[in-house]
N, C-alpha and C. Protein backbone atom coordinates (compact mmCIF):
# COMPACT_ATOMS: atom_id res chain seq x y z
N MET A 1 -30.71 -21.85 -42.87
CA MET A 1 -30.94 -23.12 -42.01
C MET A 1 -30.25 -24.35 -43.35
N LEU A 2 -29.75 -24.99 -41.96
CA LEU A 2 -29.58 -26.37 -43.21
C LEU A 2 -30.60 -27.25 -43.16
N PRO A 3 -31.03 -28.00 -44.56
CA PRO A 3 -32.10 -28.53 -44.13
C PRO A 3 -31.78 -29.58 -43.58
N PHE A 4 -30.69 -30.49 -43.41
CA PHE A 4 -30.73 -31.66 -42.41
C PHE A 4 -30.01 -31.25 -40.98
N ALA A 5 -30.05 -30.61 -40.61
CA ALA A 5 -29.52 -29.86 -39.44
C ALA A 5 -30.08 -30.92 -38.14
N ILE A 6 -29.28 -31.53 -37.32
CA ILE A 6 -29.35 -32.59 -36.31
C ILE A 6 -29.12 -31.50 -35.28
N ALA A 7 -29.34 -31.58 -33.86
CA ALA A 7 -29.21 -31.26 -32.44
C ALA A 7 -28.33 -32.37 -31.72
N VAL A 8 -27.28 -31.64 -31.64
CA VAL A 8 -26.16 -32.50 -31.29
C VAL A 8 -25.45 -31.79 -29.84
N SER A 9 -25.67 -32.19 -28.84
CA SER A 9 -25.01 -32.30 -27.49
C SER A 9 -23.91 -31.35 -27.38
N PRO A 10 -23.41 -30.46 -26.63
CA PRO A 10 -21.99 -30.27 -27.07
C PRO A 10 -21.16 -31.17 -26.24
N VAL A 11 -21.68 -31.55 -25.06
CA VAL A 11 -20.75 -33.03 -24.39
C VAL A 11 -20.20 -33.76 -25.82
N PHE A 12 -21.05 -34.37 -26.38
CA PHE A 12 -20.94 -35.07 -27.04
C PHE A 12 -19.69 -34.92 -28.59
N CYS A 13 -19.72 -33.56 -28.59
CA CYS A 13 -19.09 -33.12 -29.95
C CYS A 13 -17.61 -32.59 -29.07
N ALA A 14 -17.51 -32.23 -28.05
CA ALA A 14 -16.14 -32.48 -26.99
C ALA A 14 -15.54 -33.93 -27.21
N LEU A 15 -16.66 -34.75 -26.80
CA LEU A 15 -15.84 -35.94 -26.81
C LEU A 15 -15.54 -36.55 -27.79
N GLY A 16 -16.08 -36.28 -28.90
CA GLY A 16 -15.07 -36.66 -30.32
C GLY A 16 -14.16 -35.90 -30.80
N ALA A 17 -13.94 -34.72 -30.13
CA ALA A 17 -12.77 -33.42 -30.72
C ALA A 17 -11.83 -34.25 -29.36
N VAL A 18 -12.02 -34.77 -28.20
CA VAL A 18 -11.21 -35.32 -27.55
C VAL A 18 -10.29 -36.81 -28.07
N GLN A 19 -11.21 -37.15 -28.46
CA GLN A 19 -10.97 -38.61 -29.58
C GLN A 19 -9.91 -38.51 -31.05
N VAL A 20 -10.48 -37.64 -31.62
CA VAL A 20 -9.52 -36.94 -32.73
C VAL A 20 -8.24 -36.45 -31.95
N LEU A 21 -7.99 -35.41 -31.19
CA LEU A 21 -7.26 -34.86 -30.66
C LEU A 21 -6.05 -35.99 -29.69
N GLY A 22 -6.80 -37.07 -29.79
CA GLY A 22 -5.66 -38.03 -28.97
C GLY A 22 -5.49 -39.25 -29.89
N LEU A 23 -5.88 -39.17 -31.25
CA LEU A 23 -5.08 -40.19 -32.15
C LEU A 23 -4.40 -39.45 -32.95
N VAL A 24 -4.35 -38.17 -33.06
CA VAL A 24 -3.48 -37.32 -33.14
C VAL A 24 -2.23 -37.16 -32.45
N ALA A 25 -2.67 -36.87 -31.01
CA ALA A 25 -1.29 -37.12 -30.69
C ALA A 25 -0.66 -38.72 -30.29
N ALA A 26 -1.20 -39.85 -30.84
CA ALA A 26 -0.55 -41.18 -31.15
C ALA A 26 0.11 -40.68 -31.94
N GLY A 27 -0.03 -40.11 -33.20
CA GLY A 27 0.49 -40.30 -34.78
C GLY A 27 1.45 -39.02 -34.39
N VAL A 28 1.32 -37.95 -33.70
CA VAL A 28 2.54 -37.66 -33.37
C VAL A 28 4.02 -38.01 -32.55
N ALA A 29 3.39 -38.96 -31.69
CA ALA A 29 4.53 -39.70 -30.89
C ALA A 29 5.16 -40.96 -31.99
N ARG A 30 4.39 -40.85 -32.76
CA ARG A 30 5.30 -42.04 -34.00
C ARG A 30 6.11 -41.25 -34.81
N LEU A 31 5.18 -39.89 -35.11
CA LEU A 31 6.37 -39.47 -36.30
C LEU A 31 7.20 -38.72 -35.74
N THR A 32 7.45 -38.09 -34.34
CA THR A 32 8.29 -38.01 -33.62
C THR A 32 9.74 -38.73 -33.48
N GLU A 33 9.34 -40.15 -33.51
CA GLU A 33 10.16 -41.21 -33.36
C GLU A 33 11.79 -40.93 -34.25
N GLY A 34 12.84 -41.06 -33.00
CA GLY A 34 14.37 -40.75 -33.83
C GLY A 34 14.61 -39.35 -33.92
N THR A 35 13.78 -38.30 -33.33
CA THR A 35 14.28 -37.21 -33.43
C THR A 35 14.49 -36.01 -32.26
N PRO A 36 15.01 -34.99 -32.96
CA PRO A 36 14.83 -34.20 -31.35
C PRO A 36 13.87 -34.11 -30.28
N HIS A 37 12.75 -34.01 -30.62
CA HIS A 37 11.20 -33.73 -30.76
C HIS A 37 10.55 -35.24 -29.93
N GLU A 38 11.07 -36.28 -29.89
CA GLU A 38 10.34 -37.64 -29.50
C GLU A 38 10.43 -37.77 -27.67
N ALA A 39 10.82 -37.14 -27.13
CA ALA A 39 10.74 -37.08 -25.71
C ALA A 39 9.47 -36.19 -25.56
N GLY A 40 9.40 -34.93 -26.30
CA GLY A 40 8.12 -34.22 -26.05
C GLY A 40 6.95 -35.17 -26.84
N GLY A 41 7.24 -35.67 -28.02
CA GLY A 41 5.79 -36.82 -28.39
C GLY A 41 5.45 -37.45 -27.54
N GLN A 42 6.51 -37.96 -26.90
CA GLN A 42 6.00 -39.57 -25.91
C GLN A 42 5.56 -38.80 -24.74
N TRP A 43 5.79 -37.62 -24.09
CA TRP A 43 5.02 -37.46 -23.37
C TRP A 43 3.29 -36.69 -23.88
N LEU A 44 3.51 -36.20 -25.05
CA LEU A 44 2.01 -35.44 -25.07
C LEU A 44 0.94 -36.93 -25.97
N CYS A 45 1.89 -38.41 -25.83
CA CYS A 45 0.86 -39.27 -26.06
C CYS A 45 0.82 -39.78 -24.64
N LEU A 46 1.35 -39.43 -24.03
CA LEU A 46 1.09 -40.54 -22.59
C LEU A 46 -0.14 -39.53 -21.82
N VAL A 47 0.35 -38.26 -22.11
CA VAL A 47 -0.83 -37.51 -21.66
C VAL A 47 -2.05 -37.48 -21.97
N ALA A 48 -2.59 -37.55 -23.45
CA ALA A 48 -3.49 -37.83 -24.29
C ALA A 48 -4.46 -39.53 -23.71
N LEU A 49 -3.18 -40.67 -23.65
CA LEU A 49 -3.51 -41.47 -22.78
C LEU A 49 -4.58 -41.48 -21.76
N ALA A 50 -3.85 -40.52 -20.93
CA ALA A 50 -4.46 -40.16 -19.19
C ALA A 50 -6.22 -40.09 -19.68
N VAL A 51 -5.79 -38.97 -20.87
CA VAL A 51 -7.07 -38.52 -20.63
C VAL A 51 -8.14 -38.86 -21.07
N MET A 52 -7.81 -40.05 -22.38
CA MET A 52 -8.90 -40.42 -23.03
C MET A 52 -9.16 -42.34 -22.30
N GLY A 53 -8.63 -42.21 -21.04
CA GLY A 53 -9.06 -43.28 -20.04
C GLY A 53 -9.36 -42.61 -19.14
N THR A 54 -9.73 -41.48 -19.07
CA THR A 54 -10.44 -40.71 -18.35
C THR A 54 -11.94 -40.49 -18.76
N VAL A 55 -11.88 -39.90 -20.22
CA VAL A 55 -13.17 -40.27 -21.06
C VAL A 55 -13.85 -41.42 -20.73
N CYS A 56 -12.92 -42.24 -21.20
CA CYS A 56 -13.67 -43.96 -20.89
C CYS A 56 -14.42 -44.21 -19.87
N GLY A 57 -13.75 -43.56 -18.69
CA GLY A 57 -14.64 -44.28 -17.69
C GLY A 57 -15.84 -42.87 -17.51
N VAL A 58 -15.83 -41.72 -17.70
CA VAL A 58 -16.58 -40.47 -17.98
C VAL A 58 -18.38 -41.27 -19.05
N ALA A 59 -17.49 -41.42 -20.21
CA ALA A 59 -18.21 -41.86 -21.39
C ALA A 59 -19.05 -43.13 -20.71
N ILE A 60 -19.00 -43.69 -19.85
CA ILE A 60 -20.15 -44.86 -19.33
C ILE A 60 -21.45 -44.15 -19.22
N GLN A 61 -21.29 -43.29 -18.66
CA GLN A 61 -23.02 -42.62 -18.14
C GLN A 61 -23.63 -42.23 -19.16
N PHE A 62 -23.12 -42.04 -20.44
CA PHE A 62 -23.52 -41.47 -21.54
C PHE A 62 -24.57 -42.83 -22.21
N GLY A 63 -23.97 -43.93 -22.30
CA GLY A 63 -24.56 -44.79 -22.73
C GLY A 63 -23.52 -46.06 -23.72
N PRO A 64 -23.95 -47.05 -23.45
CA PRO A 64 -22.77 -48.30 -24.02
C PRO A 64 -22.27 -47.61 -25.84
N ASP A 65 -22.85 -47.48 -26.28
CA ASP A 65 -22.37 -46.98 -27.78
C ASP A 65 -21.20 -45.82 -27.81
N THR A 66 -21.63 -44.75 -26.56
CA THR A 66 -20.73 -43.65 -26.48
C THR A 66 -19.51 -44.52 -25.77
N ALA A 67 -19.39 -44.81 -24.50
CA ALA A 67 -18.25 -45.79 -23.87
C ALA A 67 -17.43 -46.90 -25.14
N ALA A 68 -17.93 -47.72 -25.57
CA ALA A 68 -17.49 -48.25 -27.00
C ALA A 68 -16.97 -47.89 -27.81
N ALA A 69 -16.78 -46.36 -28.39
CA ALA A 69 -16.14 -45.34 -29.13
C ALA A 69 -15.14 -44.97 -28.90
N ALA A 70 -15.54 -44.61 -27.38
CA ALA A 70 -14.42 -44.15 -26.30
C ALA A 70 -13.16 -45.14 -26.26
N ALA A 71 -14.01 -46.35 -26.09
CA ALA A 71 -12.76 -47.43 -25.58
C ALA A 71 -12.22 -47.91 -26.53
N GLY A 72 -13.09 -47.81 -28.01
CA GLY A 72 -12.24 -48.48 -29.40
C GLY A 72 -11.33 -47.02 -29.38
N THR A 73 -11.09 -45.79 -28.59
CA THR A 73 -10.04 -44.81 -29.79
C THR A 73 -9.41 -45.32 -28.73
N LEU A 74 -9.20 -45.34 -27.32
CA LEU A 74 -8.19 -45.90 -26.58
C LEU A 74 -7.02 -47.12 -26.95
N ALA A 75 -8.34 -48.26 -27.54
CA ALA A 75 -7.21 -49.14 -28.01
C ALA A 75 -6.74 -48.54 -29.50
N LEU A 76 -7.20 -47.98 -29.97
CA LEU A 76 -6.40 -47.73 -31.31
C LEU A 76 -5.33 -46.34 -31.35
N MET A 77 -5.49 -45.84 -30.16
CA MET A 77 -4.13 -45.05 -29.30
C MET A 77 -3.40 -45.68 -29.10
N THR A 78 -3.31 -46.79 -27.98
CA THR A 78 -2.66 -47.91 -27.69
C THR A 78 -1.99 -48.65 -29.00
N LEU A 79 -2.29 -48.79 -29.50
CA LEU A 79 -2.12 -49.53 -31.03
C LEU A 79 -0.65 -48.63 -31.75
N ILE A 80 -1.51 -47.74 -32.26
CA ILE A 80 -0.68 -46.53 -32.56
C ILE A 80 0.54 -46.28 -32.36
N SER A 81 0.37 -45.96 -30.96
CA SER A 81 1.69 -45.63 -29.72
C SER A 81 2.91 -47.13 -29.70
N VAL A 82 2.43 -48.44 -29.66
CA VAL A 82 2.84 -49.51 -29.20
C VAL A 82 3.68 -50.19 -30.32
N ALA A 83 2.47 -50.39 -31.12
CA ALA A 83 2.99 -51.52 -32.34
C ALA A 83 4.08 -51.06 -33.55
N ASP A 84 4.86 -51.85 -33.47
CA ASP A 84 6.14 -51.56 -34.64
C ASP A 84 5.77 -51.99 -35.84
N PHE A 85 5.35 -51.53 -36.78
CA PHE A 85 5.17 -52.18 -38.01
C PHE A 85 6.65 -52.23 -39.06
N SER A 86 7.13 -52.05 -39.14
CA SER A 86 8.91 -51.34 -39.73
C SER A 86 9.28 -52.60 -39.69
N ARG A 87 10.06 -53.06 -40.61
CA ARG A 87 11.03 -54.00 -41.23
C ARG A 87 11.95 -54.29 -40.27
N PRO A 88 12.23 -55.56 -40.10
CA PRO A 88 13.89 -55.37 -39.16
C PRO A 88 14.69 -55.28 -40.10
N ARG A 89 15.93 -54.78 -39.59
CA ARG A 89 17.04 -53.86 -40.46
C ARG A 89 18.16 -55.16 -39.98
């Protein structure tokens, strides 16, 4: 047995996994820019944004901390997929 084991709800684990996968999808969309896989990366990101938006709505019932974490993830995903920090050419 782990000495510091804590009981964690599977729902919270699922919410965390969805958040991580959403951030990965946004990163993949950025990395595929200019490649033949760009359309697939954009669709993946769009679907992940829709899922994360739904998670934000569902997370409200689990309390303000969970909803804030989901909203923060959605905001970060949007920033990753929209902001362009490259130097102008």
